[in-house]
Amino acid sequence: MRLVIYIGLILGLHSCFSYSFIDGSIDAESFSVSIFEEQAANAPAGYGGQFTDYLKNFIIGRSKLKLKDIDADIQISGKIVGYNTAPLAVQSDEAAALSRLTVTMFVSVVNNVKPEQSFEQNFSQFSDFDSNNDLSTVETQLIEDVNNKIAQDIVNKLSSNW
């Protein structure tokens, strides 16, 4: 009986200590991110560059991958293809209580180490805000929230090989 407990304890501790950030299945050492193009008509000027920087920092902070300008093992590029707001919850007086900012990005990932793990995919995320607020007053916070969600989706896809 003690042997079973010891084996269970050892296996449990091993799984605790073998945890790595997000890139345990990424067989690469470096990555690059090209500036995301702004193709959505409503996207704020400079949003492509802002998201590019956010994604770079997100990957650097959560993986062992090193950022390179050229000849990276993993090359990420993309474009902002959707940037829209819409009313979400309509009240009895037909005024919207909430509005939603939805951002869609087309992402292309080329894995030069394992080409079969390359992919192209749209990622879409949203953030809701009170309709009494003007978009310009809350847009910075909404964009930060959406950027975080999309960056997480990209890295999850990259590391899980869906």
N, C-alpha and C. Protein backbone atom coordinates (compact mmCIF):
# COMPACT_ATOMS: atom_id res chain seq x y z
N MET A 1 0.83 -1.19 0.00
CA MET A 1 0.00 0.00 0.00
C MET A 1 0.87 1.26 0.00
N ARG A 2 1.94 1.24 0.80
CA ARG A 2 2.84 2.40 0.83
C ARG A 2 3.48 2.64 -0.53
N LEU A 3 3.80 1.56 -1.23
CA LEU A 3 4.43 1.69 -2.54
C LEU A 3 3.51 2.46 -3.50
N VAL A 4 2.23 2.16 -3.47
CA VAL A 4 1.26 2.84 -4.34
C VAL A 4 1.20 4.32 -3.97
N ILE A 5 1.22 4.63 -2.70
CA ILE A 5 1.18 6.03 -2.26
C ILE A 5 2.45 6.76 -2.69
N TYR A 6 3.61 6.15 -2.53
CA TYR A 6 4.87 6.76 -2.94
C TYR A 6 4.91 7.01 -4.44
N ILE A 7 4.47 6.03 -5.20
CA ILE A 7 4.46 6.18 -6.66
C ILE A 7 3.53 7.33 -7.05
N GLY A 8 2.35 7.37 -6.43
CA GLY A 8 1.41 8.46 -6.70
C GLY A 8 1.98 9.81 -6.33
N LEU A 9 2.67 9.88 -5.20
CA LEU A 9 3.29 11.12 -4.76
C LEU A 9 4.39 11.56 -5.71
N ILE A 10 5.22 10.64 -6.12
CA ILE A 10 6.31 10.95 -7.05
C ILE A 10 5.76 11.44 -8.38
N LEU A 11 4.75 10.76 -8.91
CA LEU A 11 4.16 11.18 -10.18
C LEU A 11 3.49 12.54 -10.04
N GLY A 12 2.84 12.78 -8.94
CA GLY A 12 2.19 14.07 -8.71
C GLY A 12 3.20 15.20 -8.62
N LEU A 13 4.29 14.98 -7.89
CA LEU A 13 5.33 16.01 -7.78
C LEU A 13 6.02 16.25 -9.11
N HIS A 14 6.23 15.18 -9.87
CA HIS A 14 6.88 15.33 -11.17
C HIS A 14 6.06 16.24 -12.08
N SER A 15 4.74 16.07 -12.07
CA SER A 15 3.91 16.90 -12.93
C SER A 15 3.93 18.36 -12.48
N CYS A 16 4.09 18.60 -11.18
CA CYS A 16 4.19 19.97 -10.69
C CYS A 16 5.48 20.63 -11.15
N PHE A 17 6.58 19.90 -11.10
CA PHE A 17 7.87 20.49 -11.43
C PHE A 17 8.17 20.49 -12.92
N SER A 18 7.45 19.71 -13.69
CA SER A 18 7.71 19.68 -15.12
C SER A 18 6.87 20.70 -15.88
N TYR A 19 6.07 21.50 -15.19
CA TYR A 19 5.25 22.52 -15.82
C TYR A 19 6.14 23.61 -16.38
N SER A 20 5.87 23.98 -17.63
CA SER A 20 6.54 25.12 -18.21
C SER A 20 5.48 26.13 -18.62
N PHE A 21 5.89 27.25 -19.14
CA PHE A 21 4.93 28.28 -19.48
C PHE A 21 3.92 27.76 -20.50
N ILE A 22 3.94 28.25 -21.69
CA ILE A 22 2.94 27.87 -22.67
C ILE A 22 3.52 27.09 -23.83
N ASP A 23 4.81 26.93 -23.86
CA ASP A 23 5.42 26.44 -25.08
C ASP A 23 6.07 25.08 -24.95
N GLY A 24 5.54 24.23 -24.11
CA GLY A 24 6.13 22.91 -23.95
C GLY A 24 6.15 22.10 -25.24
N SER A 25 5.19 22.35 -26.12
CA SER A 25 5.13 21.58 -27.36
C SER A 25 5.68 22.35 -28.56
N ILE A 26 6.24 23.53 -28.34
CA ILE A 26 6.78 24.31 -29.45
C ILE A 26 8.25 23.93 -29.62
N ASP A 27 8.53 23.26 -30.72
CA ASP A 27 9.91 22.87 -31.02
C ASP A 27 10.56 23.93 -31.88
N ALA A 28 10.87 25.05 -31.25
CA ALA A 28 11.50 26.17 -31.95
C ALA A 28 12.26 26.99 -30.93
N GLU A 29 13.18 27.78 -31.42
CA GLU A 29 13.96 28.64 -30.53
C GLU A 29 13.69 30.12 -30.74
N SER A 30 13.17 30.48 -31.91
CA SER A 30 12.99 31.90 -32.21
C SER A 30 11.68 32.15 -32.94
N PHE A 31 11.25 33.41 -32.90
CA PHE A 31 10.03 33.81 -33.60
C PHE A 31 10.21 35.23 -34.11
N SER A 32 9.42 35.57 -35.10
CA SER A 32 9.35 36.94 -35.59
C SER A 32 7.89 37.29 -35.81
N VAL A 33 7.58 38.58 -35.72
CA VAL A 33 6.22 39.06 -35.97
C VAL A 33 6.31 40.24 -36.92
N SER A 34 5.72 40.09 -38.08
CA SER A 34 5.63 41.20 -39.03
C SER A 34 4.51 42.13 -38.59
N ILE A 35 4.62 43.40 -38.94
CA ILE A 35 3.59 44.37 -38.54
C ILE A 35 2.25 43.98 -39.14
N PHE A 36 1.24 43.90 -38.30
CA PHE A 36 -0.10 43.55 -38.74
C PHE A 36 -0.67 44.70 -39.57
N GLU A 37 -1.19 44.35 -40.73
CA GLU A 37 -1.79 45.34 -41.62
C GLU A 37 -3.16 45.73 -41.08
N GLU A 38 -3.53 46.97 -41.30
CA GLU A 38 -4.85 47.47 -40.90
C GLU A 38 -5.76 47.48 -42.12
N GLN A 39 -6.59 46.47 -42.26
CA GLN A 39 -7.52 46.41 -43.39
C GLN A 39 -8.95 46.70 -42.98
N ALA A 40 -9.21 46.77 -41.69
CA ALA A 40 -10.55 47.09 -41.22
C ALA A 40 -10.74 48.61 -41.27
N ALA A 41 -11.81 49.04 -41.91
CA ALA A 41 -12.04 50.47 -42.12
C ALA A 41 -12.15 51.26 -40.82
N ASN A 42 -12.71 50.66 -39.78
CA ASN A 42 -12.95 51.39 -38.53
C ASN A 42 -11.80 51.30 -37.52
N ALA A 43 -10.77 50.53 -37.84
CA ALA A 43 -9.66 50.36 -36.89
C ALA A 43 -8.94 51.68 -36.69
N PRO A 44 -8.54 51.97 -35.45
CA PRO A 44 -7.81 53.22 -35.21
C PRO A 44 -6.45 53.20 -35.90
N ALA A 45 -6.01 54.36 -36.32
CA ALA A 45 -4.71 54.47 -36.97
C ALA A 45 -3.62 53.97 -36.02
N GLY A 46 -2.72 53.16 -36.54
CA GLY A 46 -1.63 52.63 -35.73
C GLY A 46 -1.95 51.37 -34.97
N TYR A 47 -3.18 50.88 -35.09
CA TYR A 47 -3.56 49.69 -34.32
C TYR A 47 -2.76 48.46 -34.73
N GLY A 48 -2.43 48.34 -36.00
CA GLY A 48 -1.64 47.18 -36.45
C GLY A 48 -0.29 47.12 -35.77
N GLY A 49 0.40 48.24 -35.69
CA GLY A 49 1.69 48.29 -35.01
C GLY A 49 1.56 48.05 -33.52
N GLN A 50 0.49 48.60 -32.95
CA GLN A 50 0.25 48.42 -31.51
C GLN A 50 0.04 46.94 -31.18
N PHE A 51 -0.79 46.25 -31.99
CA PHE A 51 -1.02 44.84 -31.73
C PHE A 51 0.25 44.02 -31.95
N THR A 52 1.01 44.37 -32.97
CA THR A 52 2.27 43.67 -33.25
C THR A 52 3.18 43.72 -32.04
N ASP A 53 3.36 44.90 -31.47
CA ASP A 53 4.20 45.05 -30.27
C ASP A 53 3.63 44.27 -29.10
N TYR A 54 2.31 44.33 -28.94
CA TYR A 54 1.67 43.59 -27.85
C TYR A 54 1.93 42.10 -27.98
N LEU A 55 1.77 41.56 -29.20
CA LEU A 55 1.96 40.13 -29.42
C LEU A 55 3.41 39.72 -29.17
N LYS A 56 4.35 40.52 -29.61
CA LYS A 56 5.77 40.23 -29.36
C LYS A 56 6.03 40.13 -27.85
N ASN A 57 5.58 41.13 -27.12
CA ASN A 57 5.80 41.14 -25.66
C ASN A 57 5.07 40.00 -24.97
N PHE A 58 3.90 39.66 -25.46
CA PHE A 58 3.12 38.57 -24.90
C PHE A 58 3.88 37.25 -25.04
N ILE A 59 4.41 36.99 -26.23
CA ILE A 59 5.15 35.74 -26.47
C ILE A 59 6.46 35.72 -25.69
N ILE A 60 7.18 36.83 -25.66
CA ILE A 60 8.44 36.91 -24.91
C ILE A 60 8.20 36.64 -23.43
N GLY A 61 7.13 37.18 -22.89
CA GLY A 61 6.83 37.04 -21.47
C GLY A 61 6.32 35.67 -21.06
N ARG A 62 5.89 34.87 -22.02
CA ARG A 62 5.26 33.60 -21.67
C ARG A 62 5.89 32.39 -22.33
N SER A 63 7.05 32.57 -22.94
CA SER A 63 7.67 31.43 -23.59
C SER A 63 9.19 31.56 -23.56
N LYS A 64 9.84 30.52 -24.03
CA LYS A 64 11.29 30.51 -24.12
C LYS A 64 11.77 31.04 -25.46
N LEU A 65 10.84 31.34 -26.36
CA LEU A 65 11.20 31.79 -27.70
C LEU A 65 11.90 33.14 -27.67
N LYS A 66 12.89 33.29 -28.53
CA LYS A 66 13.64 34.54 -28.64
C LYS A 66 13.17 35.28 -29.89
N LEU A 67 13.01 36.58 -29.77
CA LEU A 67 12.58 37.41 -30.89
C LEU A 67 13.74 37.64 -31.85
N LYS A 68 13.49 37.41 -33.14
CA LYS A 68 14.48 37.66 -34.19
C LYS A 68 13.81 38.46 -35.30
N ASP A 69 14.59 39.28 -35.99
CA ASP A 69 14.04 40.05 -37.10
C ASP A 69 13.95 39.23 -38.37
N ILE A 70 14.95 38.37 -38.61
CA ILE A 70 14.97 37.57 -39.84
C ILE A 70 15.33 36.13 -39.50
N ASP A 71 14.97 35.24 -40.39
CA ASP A 71 15.29 33.81 -40.28
C ASP A 71 14.84 33.19 -38.96
N ALA A 72 13.66 33.55 -38.49
CA ALA A 72 13.13 32.97 -37.25
C ALA A 72 12.53 31.59 -37.54
N ASP A 73 12.53 30.74 -36.53
CA ASP A 73 11.93 29.42 -36.65
C ASP A 73 10.42 29.52 -36.89
N ILE A 74 9.78 30.46 -36.22
CA ILE A 74 8.34 30.67 -36.36
C ILE A 74 8.12 32.11 -36.81
N GLN A 75 7.43 32.27 -37.94
CA GLN A 75 7.16 33.59 -38.50
C GLN A 75 5.67 33.87 -38.44
N ILE A 76 5.31 34.95 -37.76
CA ILE A 76 3.91 35.30 -37.57
C ILE A 76 3.63 36.59 -38.33
N SER A 77 2.54 36.60 -39.08
CA SER A 77 2.10 37.81 -39.76
C SER A 77 0.58 37.83 -39.73
N GLY A 78 0.01 38.98 -40.07
CA GLY A 78 -1.43 39.03 -40.06
C GLY A 78 -1.98 40.37 -40.46
N LYS A 79 -3.29 40.45 -40.38
CA LYS A 79 -3.96 41.69 -40.71
C LYS A 79 -5.24 41.81 -39.89
N ILE A 80 -5.58 43.03 -39.58
CA ILE A 80 -6.82 43.32 -38.86
C ILE A 80 -7.91 43.41 -39.91
N VAL A 81 -8.83 42.46 -39.90
CA VAL A 81 -9.84 42.40 -40.94
C VAL A 81 -11.22 42.84 -40.45
N GLY A 82 -11.39 42.99 -39.16
CA GLY A 82 -12.67 43.44 -38.62
C GLY A 82 -12.48 44.26 -37.37
N TYR A 83 -13.20 45.37 -37.27
CA TYR A 83 -13.15 46.24 -36.09
C TYR A 83 -14.51 46.93 -36.04
N ASN A 84 -15.42 46.38 -35.23
CA ASN A 84 -16.80 46.87 -35.25
C ASN A 84 -17.37 47.01 -33.86
N THR A 85 -18.29 47.96 -33.73
CA THR A 85 -19.07 48.07 -32.50
C THR A 85 -20.53 47.83 -32.85
N ALA A 86 -21.25 47.25 -31.90
CA ALA A 86 -22.67 46.97 -32.12
C ALA A 86 -23.38 46.99 -30.77
N PRO A 87 -24.65 47.40 -30.77
CA PRO A 87 -25.43 47.33 -29.53
C PRO A 87 -25.61 45.88 -29.13
N LEU A 88 -25.61 45.64 -27.83
CA LEU A 88 -25.67 44.27 -27.34
C LEU A 88 -26.96 43.98 -26.58
N ALA A 89 -27.23 44.75 -25.54
CA ALA A 89 -28.40 44.51 -24.70
C ALA A 89 -29.34 45.70 -24.84
N VAL A 90 -30.50 45.46 -25.43
CA VAL A 90 -31.47 46.53 -25.63
C VAL A 90 -32.44 46.54 -24.46
N GLN A 91 -32.65 47.74 -23.91
CA GLN A 91 -33.57 47.89 -22.78
C GLN A 91 -34.99 48.09 -23.29
N SER A 92 -35.93 48.20 -22.37
CA SER A 92 -37.34 48.34 -22.74
C SER A 92 -37.60 49.64 -23.51
N ASP A 93 -36.79 50.67 -23.30
CA ASP A 93 -36.99 51.92 -24.04
C ASP A 93 -36.23 51.92 -25.37
N GLU A 94 -35.82 50.74 -25.80
CA GLU A 94 -35.13 50.50 -27.07
C GLU A 94 -33.74 51.14 -27.14
N ALA A 95 -33.20 51.53 -26.00
CA ALA A 95 -31.83 52.04 -25.96
C ALA A 95 -30.92 50.89 -25.53
N ALA A 96 -29.77 50.83 -26.10
CA ALA A 96 -28.83 49.75 -25.77
C ALA A 96 -28.16 50.04 -24.44
N ALA A 97 -28.15 49.04 -23.56
CA ALA A 97 -27.48 49.17 -22.27
C ALA A 97 -26.00 48.87 -22.41
N LEU A 98 -25.69 47.93 -23.28
CA LEU A 98 -24.30 47.55 -23.52
C LEU A 98 -24.01 47.58 -25.00
N SER A 99 -22.76 47.86 -25.31
CA SER A 99 -22.28 47.76 -26.68
C SER A 99 -21.07 46.85 -26.67
N ARG A 100 -20.73 46.33 -27.82
CA ARG A 100 -19.63 45.38 -27.92
C ARG A 100 -18.68 45.81 -29.03
N LEU A 101 -17.38 45.85 -28.68
CA LEU A 101 -16.33 46.03 -29.68
C LEU A 101 -15.83 44.64 -30.05
N THR A 102 -15.88 44.31 -31.34
CA THR A 102 -15.41 43.03 -31.83
C THR A 102 -14.27 43.26 -32.81
N VAL A 103 -13.16 42.56 -32.58
CA VAL A 103 -11.99 42.67 -33.45
C VAL A 103 -11.71 41.29 -34.03
N THR A 104 -11.48 41.26 -35.34
CA THR A 104 -11.13 40.01 -36.02
C THR A 104 -9.79 40.19 -36.71
N MET A 105 -8.91 39.23 -36.51
CA MET A 105 -7.59 39.26 -37.13
C MET A 105 -7.34 37.97 -37.88
N PHE A 106 -6.83 38.12 -39.09
CA PHE A 106 -6.37 36.98 -39.87
C PHE A 106 -4.89 36.80 -39.53
N VAL A 107 -4.53 35.60 -39.10
CA VAL A 107 -3.15 35.33 -38.66
C VAL A 107 -2.57 34.19 -39.49
N SER A 108 -1.35 34.40 -39.93
CA SER A 108 -0.61 33.37 -40.66
C SER A 108 0.64 33.03 -39.86
N VAL A 109 0.82 31.76 -39.56
CA VAL A 109 2.00 31.30 -38.83
C VAL A 109 2.73 30.28 -39.68
N VAL A 110 4.00 30.57 -39.96
CA VAL A 110 4.84 29.65 -40.71
C VAL A 110 5.85 29.08 -39.72
N ASN A 111 5.79 27.75 -39.53
CA ASN A 111 6.72 27.07 -38.65
C ASN A 111 7.78 26.43 -39.54
N ASN A 112 8.98 26.99 -39.53
CA ASN A 112 10.06 26.49 -40.37
C ASN A 112 10.72 25.23 -39.81
N VAL A 113 10.47 24.91 -38.54
CA VAL A 113 11.02 23.70 -37.93
C VAL A 113 10.10 22.52 -38.20
N LYS A 114 8.80 22.74 -38.00
CA LYS A 114 7.79 21.71 -38.24
C LYS A 114 6.71 22.31 -39.14
N PRO A 115 6.92 22.28 -40.45
CA PRO A 115 5.98 22.91 -41.37
C PRO A 115 4.53 22.43 -41.22
N GLU A 116 4.33 21.21 -40.77
CA GLU A 116 2.97 20.70 -40.59
C GLU A 116 2.22 21.43 -39.48
N GLN A 117 2.92 22.21 -38.66
CA GLN A 117 2.28 22.98 -37.60
C GLN A 117 2.01 24.43 -38.02
N SER A 118 2.29 24.75 -39.27
CA SER A 118 1.95 26.07 -39.80
C SER A 118 0.43 26.17 -39.94
N PHE A 119 -0.11 27.39 -39.86
CA PHE A 119 -1.55 27.54 -40.01
C PHE A 119 -1.90 28.97 -40.42
N GLU A 120 -3.10 29.10 -40.95
CA GLU A 120 -3.73 30.39 -41.23
C GLU A 120 -5.13 30.32 -40.65
N GLN A 121 -5.49 31.37 -39.89
CA GLN A 121 -6.77 31.31 -39.20
C GLN A 121 -7.22 32.70 -38.81
N ASN A 122 -8.54 32.90 -38.78
CA ASN A 122 -9.11 34.12 -38.23
C ASN A 122 -9.30 33.94 -36.73
N PHE A 123 -8.94 34.96 -35.97
CA PHE A 123 -9.18 34.99 -34.53
C PHE A 123 -10.05 36.20 -34.25
N SER A 124 -11.12 36.00 -33.51
CA SER A 124 -12.05 37.08 -33.22
C SER A 124 -12.33 37.10 -31.72
N GLN A 125 -12.29 38.29 -31.16
CA GLN A 125 -12.60 38.46 -29.74
C GLN A 125 -13.36 39.77 -29.56
N PHE A 126 -13.98 39.91 -28.40
CA PHE A 126 -14.79 41.10 -28.14
C PHE A 126 -14.58 41.59 -26.72
N SER A 127 -15.02 42.81 -26.50
CA SER A 127 -15.06 43.39 -25.16
C SER A 127 -16.29 44.29 -25.10
N ASP A 128 -17.05 44.16 -24.02
CA ASP A 128 -18.29 44.92 -23.88
C ASP A 128 -18.07 46.19 -23.07
N PHE A 129 -18.89 47.20 -23.35
CA PHE A 129 -18.81 48.45 -22.60
C PHE A 129 -20.20 49.06 -22.46
N ASP A 130 -20.35 49.90 -21.45
CA ASP A 130 -21.61 50.57 -21.18
C ASP A 130 -21.91 51.53 -22.33
N SER A 131 -23.10 51.45 -22.86
CA SER A 131 -23.47 52.28 -24.01
C SER A 131 -23.55 53.76 -23.67
N ASN A 132 -23.60 54.09 -22.39
CA ASN A 132 -23.58 55.50 -22.00
C ASN A 132 -22.21 56.13 -22.22
N ASN A 133 -21.18 55.29 -22.36
CA ASN A 133 -19.83 55.79 -22.62
C ASN A 133 -19.60 55.94 -24.11
N ASP A 134 -18.93 57.00 -24.46
CA ASP A 134 -18.51 57.18 -25.84
C ASP A 134 -17.34 56.22 -26.10
N LEU A 135 -17.31 55.58 -27.26
CA LEU A 135 -16.26 54.61 -27.57
C LEU A 135 -14.87 55.20 -27.35
N SER A 136 -14.67 56.44 -27.73
CA SER A 136 -13.34 57.05 -27.62
C SER A 136 -12.85 57.13 -26.18
N THR A 137 -13.75 57.15 -25.20
CA THR A 137 -13.34 57.25 -23.81
C THR A 137 -12.94 55.90 -23.22
N VAL A 138 -13.41 54.82 -23.81
CA VAL A 138 -13.11 53.48 -23.27
C VAL A 138 -12.32 52.62 -24.25
N GLU A 139 -12.04 53.14 -25.42
CA GLU A 139 -11.42 52.34 -26.48
C GLU A 139 -10.07 51.77 -26.09
N THR A 140 -9.25 52.52 -25.39
CA THR A 140 -7.93 52.04 -24.98
C THR A 140 -8.04 50.79 -24.12
N GLN A 141 -8.94 50.80 -23.13
CA GLN A 141 -9.13 49.64 -22.26
C GLN A 141 -9.72 48.46 -23.04
N LEU A 142 -10.64 48.74 -23.93
CA LEU A 142 -11.25 47.67 -24.72
C LEU A 142 -10.22 47.00 -25.62
N ILE A 143 -9.39 47.81 -26.27
CA ILE A 143 -8.36 47.28 -27.16
C ILE A 143 -7.37 46.43 -26.37
N GLU A 144 -6.99 46.89 -25.19
CA GLU A 144 -6.07 46.11 -24.36
C GLU A 144 -6.67 44.75 -24.00
N ASP A 145 -7.94 44.74 -23.64
CA ASP A 145 -8.62 43.48 -23.31
C ASP A 145 -8.68 42.56 -24.52
N VAL A 146 -9.07 43.09 -25.67
CA VAL A 146 -9.16 42.29 -26.89
C VAL A 146 -7.78 41.80 -27.32
N ASN A 147 -6.77 42.66 -27.25
CA ASN A 147 -5.41 42.24 -27.62
C ASN A 147 -4.96 41.07 -26.78
N ASN A 148 -5.22 41.13 -25.49
CA ASN A 148 -4.82 40.04 -24.59
C ASN A 148 -5.52 38.73 -24.98
N LYS A 149 -6.80 38.80 -25.26
CA LYS A 149 -7.56 37.60 -25.62
C LYS A 149 -7.07 37.01 -26.94
N ILE A 150 -6.84 37.85 -27.94
CA ILE A 150 -6.41 37.35 -29.24
C ILE A 150 -4.98 36.80 -29.16
N ALA A 151 -4.10 37.51 -28.45
CA ALA A 151 -2.74 37.01 -28.28
C ALA A 151 -2.75 35.65 -27.59
N GLN A 152 -3.58 35.49 -26.58
CA GLN A 152 -3.68 34.20 -25.89
C GLN A 152 -4.19 33.12 -26.83
N ASP A 153 -5.18 33.46 -27.66
CA ASP A 153 -5.70 32.49 -28.63
C ASP A 153 -4.62 32.05 -29.62
N ILE A 154 -3.83 33.01 -30.10
CA ILE A 154 -2.77 32.70 -31.06
C ILE A 154 -1.75 31.78 -30.42
N VAL A 155 -1.31 32.10 -29.22
CA VAL A 155 -0.30 31.29 -28.54
C VAL A 155 -0.85 29.92 -28.17
N ASN A 156 -2.12 29.85 -27.78
CA ASN A 156 -2.73 28.55 -27.50
C ASN A 156 -2.72 27.68 -28.75
N LYS A 157 -3.07 28.25 -29.87
CA LYS A 157 -3.07 27.49 -31.13
C LYS A 157 -1.64 27.07 -31.47
N LEU A 158 -0.71 27.96 -31.29
CA LEU A 158 0.69 27.68 -31.60
C LEU A 158 1.24 26.57 -30.71
N SER A 159 0.90 26.58 -29.45
CA SER A 159 1.49 25.62 -28.50
C SER A 159 0.73 24.31 -28.40
N SER A 160 -0.53 24.30 -28.82
CA SER A 160 -1.30 23.07 -28.67
C SER A 160 -1.40 22.28 -29.96
N ASN A 161 -0.97 22.85 -31.06
CA ASN A 161 -1.01 22.16 -32.35
C ASN A 161 -2.39 21.63 -32.67
N TRP A 162 -3.43 22.48 -32.54
CA TRP A 162 -4.80 22.07 -32.80
C TRP A 162 -4.95 21.57 -34.19
